[in-house]
Amino acid sequence: MDAFRLDGRTALVTGANRGLGRAFAAALAEAGADVVLVGRDPERNREAADEIAAATGRRTTPVAGDVTDAPDVRRIVDEAAAAHGRLDVLVNNAGICYHRPALEVPDDEFLDVFDVNVTGLWRMSRAVAPYLIEAGGGAIVNVGSISAMIVNRPQWQPAYNASKAAVHQLTRSLAAEWAPHGIRVNAIAPGYVKTEMAPVDEPRFRDRWILDAPMQRYATPEEIAPSVVYLASDAASFTTGAVLVTDGGYTLF
C-alpha cells in the first residue's frame, strides 16, 4: 500500500475550501501530502486548512486567489512553491455551473463558465508544470464530469457540459505532451455528488439524478476523494491521459 502514500510531496488544490475540493485536500493530507488550499474566500480557506491540519498533522497553506485572473494564477503558484519549496501534485477542481436552457444563456454567462472550468485549469496547469518538471515529474488531476459524456436532465446546462468535455480532451492533450517530462495528467468524471453545487436532495431531481443510476443513490465527496489520491500517487505510475468515471453506474444506461 506504500504506492498510495504521498509523504514528502506538496499538493495544490483549487476550489479547496468546500465540497469536493475540501474532501480532496483532506484525503491528500491523510495520504501524507502537505497541501495548499486555493479559493477566493480567505476566511473559508483558513478554516478548511486549519481543520485539515488538525485532523492529519500535515502542513496546510491557504492561498486566496482567482483562477480566472492570469496574474493572480502566477502569484498563487509562486506563493505556494515558495511556502513549501516544491510542488508535486495539482488538482484542478475549481468550477461553476448554471442551469439554463441554451436560448436563455447570455454570452457573459457562457464565457464565465469556460473561464473558470477550462481557461482557469489551463492557466493553473501551465503555471504549475515548470515546478513539476523541476521536481522530476508529478501529477495533475483534473475534475471533469459525466456531463462531458451525457446531457443531464431534467435541467439544461449546455455551457457546463461543453466545458467539461473540453476538460477531458485537454487532459488527454497535456498528458501526451508532458509525458516525456514525467508529468502524468488524468481526470476524474464524477456523477452526482452531494455538494452545494449539486442539489441532489431536491425532489424534482430525484427521478433523473438518483433513480436512473444503477446504484440509485448519490455520492458523498469523501467517496470520490480516494480516486484523486490514486491518480496523484505512484499507484497510478503507468496511468496518464485517463478519465476515471466514478458515477455509481449512471453512464451505463
C-alpha atoms as a PDB file:
ATOM      1  CA  MET A   1       0.000   0.000   0.000  1.00  0.00           C
ATOM      2  CA  ASP A   2       3.030   2.306   0.133  1.00  0.00           C
ATOM      3  CA  ALA A   3       2.438   3.182  -3.533  1.00  0.00           C
ATOM      4  CA  PHE A   4      -0.619   5.169  -2.463  1.00  0.00           C
ATOM      5  CA  ARG A   5       1.341   7.296   0.023  1.00  0.00           C
ATOM      6  CA  LEU A   6       2.224  10.918  -0.736  1.00  0.00           C
ATOM      7  CA  ASP A   7       4.724  11.584   2.035  1.00  0.00           C
ATOM      8  CA  GLY A   8       7.193  14.356   1.255  1.00  0.00           C
ATOM      9  CA  ARG A   9       5.066  15.815  -1.521  1.00  0.00           C
ATOM     10  CA  THR A  10       3.105  19.033  -1.827  1.00  0.00           C
ATOM     11  CA  ALA A  11      -0.308  19.137  -3.476  1.00  0.00           C
ATOM     12  CA  LEU A  12      -2.110  22.271  -4.637  1.00  0.00           C
ATOM     13  CA  VAL A  13      -5.903  22.052  -4.818  1.00  0.00           C
ATOM     14  CA  THR A  14      -8.094  24.746  -6.359  1.00  0.00           C
ATOM     15  CA  GLY A  15     -11.625  25.351  -5.148  1.00  0.00           C
ATOM     16  CA  ALA A  16     -10.460  23.696  -1.942  1.00  0.00           C
ATOM     17  CA  ASN A  17     -12.434  25.375   0.816  1.00  0.00           C
ATOM     18  CA  ARG A  18     -15.684  23.418   0.418  1.00  0.00           C
ATOM     19  CA  GLY A  19     -17.367  20.469  -1.263  1.00  0.00           C
ATOM     20  CA  LEU A  20     -15.298  18.175  -3.427  1.00  0.00           C
ATOM     21  CA  GLY A  21     -12.182  20.334  -3.245  1.00  0.00           C
ATOM     22  CA  ARG A  22     -12.128  20.270   0.532  1.00  0.00           C
ATOM     23  CA  ALA A  23     -12.562  16.493   0.547  1.00  0.00           C
ATOM     24  CA  PHE A  24      -9.746  16.138  -1.986  1.00  0.00           C
ATOM     25  CA  ALA A  25      -7.403  18.293   0.101  1.00  0.00           C
ATOM     26  CA  ALA A  26      -8.227  16.305   3.237  1.00  0.00           C
ATOM     27  CA  ALA A  27      -7.669  12.952   1.518  1.00  0.00           C
ATOM     28  CA  LEU A  28      -4.321  14.044   0.057  1.00  0.00           C
ATOM     29  CA  ALA A  29      -3.219  15.176   3.519  1.00  0.00           C
ATOM     30  CA  GLU A  30      -4.345  11.855   5.008  1.00  0.00           C
ATOM     31  CA  ALA A  31      -2.124  10.155   2.417  1.00  0.00           C
ATOM     32  CA  GLY A  32       0.839  12.177   3.694  1.00  0.00           C
ATOM     33  CA  ALA A  33       0.979  15.225   1.453  1.00  0.00           C
ATOM     34  CA  ASP A  34       1.329  18.811   2.557  1.00  0.00           C
ATOM     35  CA  VAL A  35      -1.490  20.754   0.950  1.00  0.00           C
ATOM     36  CA  VAL A  36      -2.021  24.229  -0.481  1.00  0.00           C
ATOM     37  CA  LEU A  37      -5.707  25.161  -0.442  1.00  0.00           C
ATOM     38  CA  VAL A  38      -6.718  27.744  -3.049  1.00  0.00           C
ATOM     39  CA  GLY A  39     -10.038  29.574  -3.152  1.00  0.00           C
ATOM     40  CA  ARG A  40     -11.486  33.046  -3.475  1.00  0.00           C
ATOM     41  CA  ASP A  41     -12.596  33.351   0.162  1.00  0.00           C
ATOM     42  CA  PRO A  42      -9.633  33.832   2.557  1.00  0.00           C
ATOM     43  CA  GLU A  43     -11.656  33.059   5.672  1.00  0.00           C
ATOM     44  CA  ARG A  44     -13.046  29.807   4.312  1.00  0.00           C
ATOM     45  CA  ASN A  45      -9.595  28.853   3.035  1.00  0.00           C
ATOM     46  CA  ARG A  46      -8.110  29.330   6.509  1.00  0.00           C
ATOM     47  CA  GLU A  47     -10.919  27.411   8.207  1.00  0.00           C
ATOM     48  CA  ALA A  48     -10.529  24.434   5.861  1.00  0.00           C
ATOM     49  CA  ALA A  49      -6.733  24.495   6.128  1.00  0.00           C
ATOM     50  CA  ASP A  50      -6.804  24.599   9.931  1.00  0.00           C
ATOM     51  CA  GLU A  51      -9.293  21.741  10.181  1.00  0.00           C
ATOM     52  CA  ILE A  52      -7.316  19.526   7.798  1.00  0.00           C
ATOM     53  CA  ALA A  53      -4.035  20.291   9.576  1.00  0.00           C
ATOM     54  CA  ALA A  54      -5.576  19.467  12.957  1.00  0.00           C
ATOM     55  CA  ALA A  55      -7.006  16.177  11.682  1.00  0.00           C
ATOM     56  CA  THR A  56      -3.954  14.949   9.767  1.00  0.00           C
ATOM     57  CA  GLY A  57      -0.909  16.659  11.254  1.00  0.00           C
ATOM     58  CA  ARG A  58       0.159  17.760   7.789  1.00  0.00           C
ATOM     59  CA  ARG A  59       1.230  21.260   6.852  1.00  0.00           C
ATOM     60  CA  THR A  60      -1.543  23.182   5.117  1.00  0.00           C
ATOM     61  CA  THR A  61      -1.243  26.588   3.468  1.00  0.00           C
ATOM     62  CA  PRO A  62      -4.300  28.642   2.480  1.00  0.00           C
ATOM     63  CA  VAL A  63      -3.830  30.909  -0.551  1.00  0.00           C
ATOM     64  CA  ALA A  64      -6.600  33.258  -1.639  1.00  0.00           C
ATOM     65  CA  GLY A  65      -6.816  33.807  -5.370  1.00  0.00           C
ATOM     66  CA  ASP A  66      -8.838  33.643  -8.568  1.00  0.00           C
ATOM     67  CA  VAL A  67      -8.042  31.119 -11.303  1.00  0.00           C
ATOM     68  CA  THR A  68      -9.709  33.373 -13.887  1.00  0.00           C
ATOM     69  CA  ASP A  69      -7.101  36.113 -13.321  1.00  0.00           C
ATOM     70  CA  ALA A  70      -3.860  35.354 -15.178  1.00  0.00           C
ATOM     71  CA  PRO A  71      -1.521  37.418 -12.943  1.00  0.00           C
ATOM     72  CA  ASP A  72      -3.244  36.009  -9.875  1.00  0.00           C
ATOM     73  CA  VAL A  73      -2.622  32.452 -11.076  1.00  0.00           C
ATOM     74  CA  ARG A  74       1.096  33.139 -11.311  1.00  0.00           C
ATOM     75  CA  ARG A  75       1.080  34.672  -7.827  1.00  0.00           C
ATOM     76  CA  ILE A  76      -0.844  31.716  -6.383  1.00  0.00           C
ATOM     77  CA  VAL A  77       1.588  29.176  -7.789  1.00  0.00           C
ATOM     78  CA  ASP A  78       4.728  31.129  -6.904  1.00  0.00           C
ATOM     79  CA  GLU A  79       3.441  31.730  -3.376  1.00  0.00           C
ATOM     80  CA  ALA A  80       2.644  28.047  -2.931  1.00  0.00           C
ATOM     81  CA  ALA A  81       6.041  26.954  -4.227  1.00  0.00           C
ATOM     82  CA  ALA A  82       7.851  29.494  -2.047  1.00  0.00           C
ATOM     83  CA  ALA A  83       5.971  28.337   1.053  1.00  0.00           C
ATOM     84  CA  HIS A  84       6.677  24.640   0.532  1.00  0.00           C
ATOM     85  CA  GLY A  85       9.823  24.593  -1.548  1.00  0.00           C
ATOM     86  CA  ARG A  86       8.303  22.347  -4.193  1.00  0.00           C
ATOM     87  CA  LEU A  87       5.090  21.340  -5.962  1.00  0.00           C
ATOM     88  CA  ASP A  88       4.336  17.742  -6.888  1.00  0.00           C
ATOM     89  CA  VAL A  89       0.574  17.491  -7.425  1.00  0.00           C
ATOM     90  CA  LEU A  90      -2.032  19.838  -8.887  1.00  0.00           C
ATOM     91  CA  VAL A  91      -5.746  19.162  -8.530  1.00  0.00           C
ATOM     92  CA  ASN A  92      -7.775  21.429 -10.812  1.00  0.00           C
ATOM     93  CA  ASN A  93     -11.106  21.393  -9.023  1.00  0.00           C
ATOM     94  CA  ALA A  94     -12.425  24.978  -9.279  1.00  0.00           C
ATOM     95  CA  GLY A  95     -15.622  25.032 -11.288  1.00  0.00           C
ATOM     96  CA  ILE A  96     -19.018  26.669 -11.749  1.00  0.00           C
ATOM     97  CA  CYS A  97     -22.311  25.664 -13.329  1.00  0.00           C
ATOM     98  CA  TYR A  98     -25.546  27.397 -14.319  1.00  0.00           C
ATOM     99  CA  HIS A  99     -28.819  25.611 -15.061  1.00  0.00           C
ATOM    100  CA  ARG A 100     -30.368  27.407 -18.008  1.00  0.00           C
ATOM    101  CA  PRO A 101     -31.763  26.434 -21.449  1.00  0.00           C
ATOM    102  CA  ALA A 102     -29.469  27.301 -24.340  1.00  0.00           C
ATOM    103  CA  LEU A 103     -31.677  30.063 -25.746  1.00  0.00           C
ATOM    104  CA  GLU A 104     -31.658  31.781 -22.352  1.00  0.00           C
ATOM    105  CA  VAL A 105     -27.899  31.654 -21.737  1.00  0.00           C
ATOM    106  CA  PRO A 106     -26.336  35.126 -22.010  1.00  0.00           C
ATOM    107  CA  ASP A 107     -22.918  35.328 -23.635  1.00  0.00           C
ATOM    108  CA  ASP A 108     -21.208  36.544 -20.475  1.00  0.00           C
ATOM    109  CA  GLU A 109     -22.516  33.547 -18.520  1.00  0.00           C
ATOM    110  CA  PHE A 110     -21.289  31.095 -21.153  1.00  0.00           C
ATOM    111  CA  LEU A 111     -17.874  32.749 -21.163  1.00  0.00           C
ATOM    112  CA  ASP A 112     -17.806  32.774 -17.367  1.00  0.00           C
ATOM    113  CA  VAL A 113     -18.248  29.001 -17.236  1.00  0.00           C
ATOM    114  CA  PHE A 114     -15.429  28.422 -19.696  1.00  0.00           C
ATOM    115  CA  ASP A 115     -13.187  30.968 -17.988  1.00  0.00           C
ATOM    116  CA  VAL A 116     -13.344  29.073 -14.696  1.00  0.00           C
ATOM    117  CA  ASN A 117     -13.736  25.474 -15.828  1.00  0.00           C
ATOM    118  CA  VAL A 118     -11.377  25.436 -18.809  1.00  0.00           C
ATOM    119  CA  THR A 119      -9.205  28.538 -19.019  1.00  0.00           C
ATOM    120  CA  GLY A 120      -8.567  28.529 -15.270  1.00  0.00           C
ATOM    121  CA  LEU A 121      -7.498  24.895 -15.474  1.00  0.00           C
ATOM    122  CA  TRP A 122      -5.288  25.698 -18.470  1.00  0.00           C
ATOM    123  CA  ARG A 123      -3.589  28.593 -16.683  1.00  0.00           C
ATOM    124  CA  MET A 124      -3.020  26.662 -13.483  1.00  0.00           C
ATOM    125  CA  SER A 125      -1.606  23.670 -15.327  1.00  0.00           C
ATOM    126  CA  ARG A 126       0.826  25.783 -17.335  1.00  0.00           C
ATOM    127  CA  ALA A 127       1.907  27.692 -14.234  1.00  0.00           C
ATOM    128  CA  VAL A 128       2.500  24.553 -12.162  1.00  0.00           C
ATOM    129  CA  ALA A 129       4.139  22.426 -14.885  1.00  0.00           C
ATOM    130  CA  PRO A 130       7.605  24.045 -14.608  1.00  0.00           C
ATOM    131  CA  TYR A 131       7.671  23.240 -10.895  1.00  0.00           C
ATOM    132  CA  LEU A 132       6.687  19.633 -11.588  1.00  0.00           C
ATOM    133  CA  ILE A 133       9.450  19.371 -14.147  1.00  0.00           C
ATOM    134  CA  GLU A 134      11.903  20.811 -11.624  1.00  0.00           C
ATOM    135  CA  ALA A 135      10.786  18.194  -9.091  1.00  0.00           C
ATOM    136  CA  GLY A 136      11.500  15.430 -11.612  1.00  0.00           C
ATOM    137  CA  GLY A 137       7.865  14.857 -12.513  1.00  0.00           C
ATOM    138  CA  GLY A 138       4.489  14.977 -10.868  1.00  0.00           C
ATOM    139  CA  ALA A 139       0.778  14.537 -11.300  1.00  0.00           C
ATOM    140  CA  ILE A 140      -2.102  16.725 -12.421  1.00  0.00           C
ATOM    141  CA  VAL A 141      -5.637  15.584 -11.653  1.00  0.00           C
ATOM    142  CA  ASN A 142      -8.419  17.469 -13.411  1.00  0.00           C
ATOM    143  CA  VAL A 143     -12.001  17.359 -12.246  1.00  0.00           C
ATOM    144  CA  GLY A 144     -14.143  16.569 -15.245  1.00  0.00           C
ATOM    145  CA  SER A 145     -17.680  15.210 -15.107  1.00  0.00           C
ATOM    146  CA  ILE A 146     -20.072  12.685 -16.551  1.00  0.00           C
ATOM    147  CA  SER A 147     -21.613  15.835 -18.069  1.00  0.00           C
ATOM    148  CA  ALA A 148     -18.815  15.607 -20.645  1.00  0.00           C
ATOM    149  CA  MET A 149     -20.351  12.346 -21.869  1.00  0.00           C
ATOM    150  CA  ILE A 150     -24.096  12.769 -21.380  1.00  0.00           C
ATOM    151  CA  VAL A 151     -26.695  15.530 -21.469  1.00  0.00           C
ATOM    152  CA  ASN A 152     -28.025  15.977 -17.946  1.00  0.00           C
ATOM    153  CA  ARG A 153     -31.751  16.082 -17.317  1.00  0.00           C
ATOM    154  CA  PRO A 154     -34.232  17.434 -16.330  1.00  0.00           C
ATOM    155  CA  GLN A 155     -32.220  20.662 -16.105  1.00  0.00           C
ATOM    156  CA  TRP A 156     -30.312  22.091 -19.073  1.00  0.00           C
ATOM    157  CA  GLN A 157     -26.697  23.209 -18.651  1.00  0.00           C
ATOM    158  CA  PRO A 158     -25.094  23.396 -22.110  1.00  0.00           C
ATOM    159  CA  ALA A 159     -22.160  25.615 -21.128  1.00  0.00           C
ATOM    160  CA  TYR A 160     -21.131  23.343 -18.271  1.00  0.00           C
ATOM    161  CA  ASN A 161     -21.447  20.192 -20.373  1.00  0.00           C
ATOM    162  CA  ALA A 162     -19.306  21.654 -23.137  1.00  0.00           C
ATOM    163  CA  SER A 163     -16.720  22.928 -20.661  1.00  0.00           C
ATOM    164  CA  LYS A 164     -16.279  19.518 -19.062  1.00  0.00           C
ATOM    165  CA  ALA A 165     -15.894  17.873 -22.462  1.00  0.00           C
ATOM    166  CA  ALA A 166     -13.091  20.380 -23.067  1.00  0.00           C
ATOM    167  CA  VAL A 167     -11.546  19.419 -19.726  1.00  0.00           C
ATOM    168  CA  HIS A 168     -11.434  15.759 -20.737  1.00  0.00           C
ATOM    169  CA  GLN A 169      -9.815  16.479 -24.082  1.00  0.00           C
ATOM    170  CA  LEU A 170      -7.359  18.982 -22.610  1.00  0.00           C
ATOM    171  CA  THR A 171      -6.414  16.306 -20.082  1.00  0.00           C
ATOM    172  CA  ARG A 172      -5.512  13.929 -22.895  1.00  0.00           C
ATOM    173  CA  SER A 173      -3.626  16.598 -24.828  1.00  0.00           C
ATOM    174  CA  LEU A 174      -1.476  17.631 -21.867  1.00  0.00           C
ATOM    175  CA  ALA A 175      -0.895  14.003 -20.906  1.00  0.00           C
ATOM    176  CA  ALA A 176       0.545  13.248 -24.334  1.00  0.00           C
ATOM    177  CA  GLU A 177       2.687  16.384 -24.458  1.00  0.00           C
ATOM    178  CA  TRP A 178       4.065  16.304 -20.929  1.00  0.00           C
ATOM    179  CA  ALA A 179       4.712  12.573 -20.507  1.00  0.00           C
ATOM    180  CA  PRO A 180       8.398  12.995 -21.509  1.00  0.00           C
ATOM    181  CA  HIS A 181       8.758  15.373 -18.546  1.00  0.00           C
ATOM    182  CA  GLY A 182       7.461  12.774 -16.103  1.00  0.00           C
ATOM    183  CA  ILE A 183       4.152  14.582 -15.657  1.00  0.00           C
ATOM    184  CA  ARG A 184       1.047  12.420 -15.578  1.00  0.00           C
ATOM    185  CA  VAL A 185      -2.237  14.162 -16.388  1.00  0.00           C
ATOM    186  CA  ASN A 186      -5.512  12.411 -15.635  1.00  0.00           C
ATOM    187  CA  ALA A 187      -9.097  13.352 -14.867  1.00  0.00           C
ATOM    188  CA  ILE A 188     -11.959  12.083 -12.785  1.00  0.00           C
ATOM    189  CA  ALA A 189     -15.537  12.186 -14.032  1.00  0.00           C
ATOM    190  CA  PRO A 190     -17.834  12.144 -11.010  1.00  0.00           C
ATOM    191  CA  GLY A 191     -21.527  11.517 -11.195  1.00  0.00           C
ATOM    192  CA  TYR A 192     -23.990  13.160  -8.845  1.00  0.00           C
ATOM    193  CA  VAL A 193     -22.338  14.139  -5.568  1.00  0.00           C
ATOM    194  CA  LYS A 194     -23.950  15.893  -2.623  1.00  0.00           C
ATOM    195  CA  THR A 195     -22.374  19.363  -2.592  1.00  0.00           C
ATOM    196  CA  GLU A 196     -23.563  22.947  -2.572  1.00  0.00           C
ATOM    197  CA  MET A 197     -23.206  22.921  -6.352  1.00  0.00           C
ATOM    198  CA  ALA A 198     -25.457  19.874  -6.885  1.00  0.00           C
ATOM    199  CA  PRO A 199     -28.841  19.950  -5.103  1.00  0.00           C
ATOM    200  CA  VAL A 200     -29.184  16.181  -5.136  1.00  0.00           C
ATOM    201  CA  ASP A 201     -31.762  16.205  -2.336  1.00  0.00           C
ATOM    202  CA  GLU A 202     -34.324  18.236  -4.258  1.00  0.00           C
ATOM    203  CA  PRO A 203     -37.355  16.064  -5.151  1.00  0.00           C
ATOM    204  CA  ARG A 204     -37.529  17.469  -8.689  1.00  0.00           C
ATOM    205  CA  PHE A 205     -34.163  15.891  -9.486  1.00  0.00           C
ATOM    206  CA  ARG A 206     -34.629  12.534  -7.761  1.00  0.00           C
ATOM    207  CA  ASP A 207     -36.118  10.573 -10.692  1.00  0.00           C
ATOM    208  CA  ARG A 208     -33.394  11.544 -13.159  1.00  0.00           C
ATOM    209  CA  TRP A 209     -30.378  12.080 -10.926  1.00  0.00           C
ATOM    210  CA  ILE A 210     -30.816   9.268  -8.443  1.00  0.00           C
ATOM    211  CA  LEU A 211     -33.280   6.624  -9.592  1.00  0.00           C
ATOM    212  CA  ASP A 212     -31.828   6.482 -13.123  1.00  0.00           C
ATOM    213  CA  ALA A 213     -28.485   5.239 -11.748  1.00  0.00           C
ATOM    214  CA  PRO A 214     -27.970   1.506 -11.123  1.00  0.00           C
ATOM    215  CA  MET A 215     -26.881   2.179  -7.528  1.00  0.00           C
ATOM    216  CA  GLN A 216     -29.858   4.528  -7.068  1.00  0.00           C
ATOM    217  CA  ARG A 217     -28.065   6.955  -4.779  1.00  0.00           C
ATOM    218  CA  TYR A 218     -25.735   9.929  -4.876  1.00  0.00           C
ATOM    219  CA  ALA A 219     -22.138  10.010  -3.659  1.00  0.00           C
ATOM    220  CA  THR A 220     -20.503  11.984  -0.896  1.00  0.00           C
ATOM    221  CA  PRO A 221     -17.338  13.992  -1.582  1.00  0.00           C
ATOM    222  CA  GLU A 222     -15.412  11.592   0.656  1.00  0.00           C
ATOM    223  CA  GLU A 223     -16.314   8.703  -1.674  1.00  0.00           C
ATOM    224  CA  ILE A 224     -14.806  10.497  -4.680  1.00  0.00           C
ATOM    225  CA  ALA A 225     -11.642  11.680  -2.928  1.00  0.00           C
ATOM    226  CA  PRO A 226      -9.767   8.317  -2.916  1.00  0.00           C
ATOM    227  CA  SER A 227      -9.821   8.333  -6.730  1.00  0.00           C
ATOM    228  CA  VAL A 228      -7.902  11.617  -6.651  1.00  0.00           C
ATOM    229  CA  VAL A 229      -5.362  10.157  -4.211  1.00  0.00           C
ATOM    230  CA  TYR A 230      -4.875   7.170  -6.511  1.00  0.00           C
ATOM    231  CA  LEU A 231      -4.264   9.308  -9.599  1.00  0.00           C
ATOM    232  CA  ALA A 232      -1.927  11.602  -7.665  1.00  0.00           C
ATOM    233  CA  SER A 233       0.138   8.738  -6.249  1.00  0.00           C
ATOM    234  CA  ASP A 234       2.698   6.255  -7.553  1.00  0.00           C
ATOM    235  CA  ALA A 235      -0.073   3.646  -7.564  1.00  0.00           C
ATOM    236  CA  ALA A 236      -1.041   5.253 -10.883  1.00  0.00           C
ATOM    237  CA  SER A 237       2.547   5.462 -12.179  1.00  0.00           C
ATOM    238  CA  PHE A 238       1.590   3.923 -15.552  1.00  0.00           C
ATOM    239  CA  THR A 239      -1.660   5.857 -15.907  1.00  0.00           C
ATOM    240  CA  THR A 240      -1.870   9.067 -17.896  1.00  0.00           C
ATOM    241  CA  GLY A 241      -4.483  10.584 -20.178  1.00  0.00           C
ATOM    242  CA  ALA A 242      -7.206   8.580 -18.429  1.00  0.00           C
ATOM    243  CA  VAL A 243     -10.666   9.743 -17.399  1.00  0.00           C
ATOM    244  CA  LEU A 244     -11.772   7.793 -14.339  1.00  0.00           C
ATOM    245  CA  VAL A 245     -15.571   7.628 -14.156  1.00  0.00           C
ATOM    246  CA  THR A 246     -16.973   7.473 -10.617  1.00  0.00           C
ATOM    247  CA  ASP A 247     -20.724   7.723 -11.079  1.00  0.00           C
ATOM    248  CA  GLY A 248     -22.467   4.791  -9.402  1.00  0.00           C
ATOM    249  CA  GLY A 249     -23.040   3.326 -12.860  1.00  0.00           C
ATOM    250  CA  TYR A 250     -25.056   6.323 -14.101  1.00  0.00           C
ATOM    251  CA  THR A 251     -23.491   6.353 -17.588  1.00  0.00           C
ATOM    252  CA  LEU A 252     -24.165   2.643 -18.110  1.00  0.00           C
ATOM    253  CA  PHE A 253     -27.701   3.404 -19.319  1.00  0.00           C
END
